[in-house]
Amino acid sequence: MNQHQCEICLPVIKIYKKRDGLTEHIRLKHGNRSVVRCDSCNIEFVNNQSYNTHRNKYHPEHRVEYPCDVEGCDFVFDTKSGFDSHKKTHEEPKFCCDQCSNKYYHKTSLTKHKKTH
């Protein structure tokens, strides 16, 4: 018997006997979202990131890795977004604090830093 679990409701476990039941639950409870289904176990996810995390954890044979291509850098990432974020660290920081000389690779880091002034 197949079981279909709502990934959005975790840690509360909601299991449906039919995929249509889960799809209807997601549509009604969580809004009209597109669904990504795991080919290995049929669990459905509302976005690629949560699906990729699931796949890498529970189905390592289908794991996708994103290795840094900079010579001498051995970092490997499970997600493309993690890899893209890391690539910025090999560039000159683009975000500068206007109150001190600190520089940051990510705008969110600068915003967090500014709160310390």
Protein backbone atom coordinates (compact mmCIF):
# COMPACT_ATOMS: atom_id res chain seq x y z
CA MET A 1 0.00 0.00 0.00
CA ASN A 2 1.40 3.40 -1.00
CA GLN A 3 1.40 6.17 1.53
CA HIS A 4 1.60 9.83 0.63
CA GLN A 5 2.87 12.21 3.29
CA CYS A 6 2.49 15.99 3.48
CA GLU A 7 5.99 17.44 3.78
CA ILE A 8 4.64 20.92 4.61
CA CYS A 9 2.82 19.80 7.75
CA LEU A 10 5.92 18.23 9.33
CA PRO A 11 6.56 17.55 12.18
CA VAL A 12 2.85 16.72 12.27
CA ILE A 13 2.51 13.64 10.10
CA LYS A 14 -0.39 13.61 7.67
CA ILE A 15 -0.56 10.48 5.53
CA TYR A 16 -2.95 9.86 2.67
CA LYS A 17 -3.72 6.55 1.02
CA LYS A 18 -4.07 8.11 -2.41
CA ARG A 19 -1.90 10.73 -4.07
CA ASP A 20 -5.03 12.64 -5.08
CA GLY A 21 -5.89 13.01 -1.40
CA LEU A 22 -2.52 14.58 -0.66
CA THR A 23 -2.71 16.83 -3.70
CA GLU A 24 -6.16 18.02 -2.63
CA HIS A 25 -4.92 18.55 0.95
CA ILE A 26 -2.01 20.69 -0.29
CA ARG A 27 -4.30 22.71 -2.55
CA LEU A 28 -6.88 23.37 0.19
CA LYS A 29 -4.64 23.70 3.25
CA HIS A 30 -1.52 25.28 1.78
CA GLY A 31 -2.80 27.14 -1.27
CA ASN A 32 -2.54 26.29 -4.93
CA ARG A 33 1.12 25.27 -5.09
CA SER A 34 2.89 23.14 -7.61
CA VAL A 35 4.03 19.79 -6.29
CA VAL A 36 7.33 17.95 -6.81
CA ARG A 37 7.08 14.20 -6.30
CA CYS A 38 9.95 11.92 -5.30
CA ASP A 39 10.29 9.19 -7.94
CA SER A 40 11.68 6.76 -5.36
CA CYS A 41 9.01 6.91 -2.62
CA ASN A 42 6.20 9.16 -3.97
CA ILE A 43 6.37 11.73 -1.14
CA GLU A 44 5.33 15.11 -2.52
CA PHE A 45 7.04 18.44 -1.85
CA VAL A 46 6.05 22.02 -2.50
CA ASN A 47 9.44 23.09 -3.83
CA ASN A 48 12.64 21.71 -5.31
CA GLN A 49 14.76 22.64 -2.32
CA SER A 50 12.81 20.49 0.12
CA TYR A 51 12.72 17.68 -2.45
CA ASN A 52 16.51 17.89 -2.98
CA THR A 53 17.12 17.78 0.78
CA HIS A 54 14.88 14.70 1.04
CA ARG A 55 16.52 13.00 -1.94
CA ASN A 56 20.04 13.57 -0.66
CA LYS A 57 19.15 12.31 2.83
CA TYR A 58 16.95 9.31 2.05
CA HIS A 59 18.04 8.29 -1.45
CA PRO A 60 21.84 8.79 -1.54
CA GLU A 61 22.08 6.76 -4.73
CA HIS A 62 20.33 9.70 -6.48
CA ARG A 63 22.31 12.38 -4.64
CA VAL A 64 23.22 15.45 -6.67
CA GLU A 65 26.38 17.29 -5.68
CA TYR A 66 27.65 20.71 -6.66
CA PRO A 67 31.45 20.83 -6.19
CA CYS A 68 33.23 24.17 -6.17
CA ASP A 69 35.21 24.52 -9.40
CA VAL A 70 37.83 26.91 -8.01
CA GLU A 71 41.24 25.30 -7.86
CA GLY A 72 42.21 24.39 -4.30
CA CYS A 73 38.65 24.69 -2.97
CA ASP A 74 37.23 21.36 -1.84
CA PHE A 75 33.72 22.48 -0.85
CA VAL A 76 30.84 20.35 -2.16
CA PHE A 77 27.20 21.40 -1.82
CA ASP A 78 23.90 19.50 -1.76
CA THR A 79 21.96 22.36 -3.31
CA LYS A 80 22.58 24.69 -6.22
CA SER A 81 21.58 27.65 -4.04
CA GLY A 82 24.28 26.72 -1.49
CA PHE A 83 26.81 26.40 -4.29
CA ASP A 84 25.80 29.75 -5.83
CA SER A 85 26.06 31.44 -2.44
CA HIS A 86 29.52 29.95 -1.86
CA LYS A 87 30.82 31.07 -5.29
CA LYS A 88 30.51 34.68 -4.14
CA THR A 89 33.21 34.07 -1.51
CA HIS A 90 35.75 33.69 -4.31
CA GLU A 91 34.95 37.21 -5.55
CA GLU A 92 35.61 40.62 -4.05
CA PRO A 93 32.90 41.51 -1.48
CA LYS A 94 30.31 43.82 -3.04
CA PHE A 95 28.51 45.14 0.02
CA CYS A 96 30.28 47.75 2.14
CA CYS A 97 29.20 49.24 5.44
CA ASP A 98 28.88 53.03 5.20
CA GLN A 99 29.74 53.40 8.91
CA CYS A 100 32.93 51.33 9.03
CA SER A 101 35.23 49.51 6.64
CA ASN A 102 33.60 46.06 6.85
CA LYS A 103 32.75 44.34 3.55
CA TYR A 104 30.36 41.48 2.92
CA TYR A 105 29.59 39.02 0.15
CA HIS A 106 25.86 38.96 0.87
CA LYS A 107 23.47 41.87 1.37
CA THR A 108 21.78 40.04 4.26
CA SER A 109 25.12 39.87 6.08
CA LEU A 110 25.59 43.64 5.70
CA THR A 111 22.03 44.28 6.91
CA LYS A 112 22.65 42.11 9.99
CA HIS A 113 25.98 43.86 10.62
CA LYS A 114 24.44 47.35 10.43
CA LYS A 115 22.23 46.50 13.39
CA THR A 116 25.36 46.30 15.55
CA HIS A 117 26.13 50.02 15.07
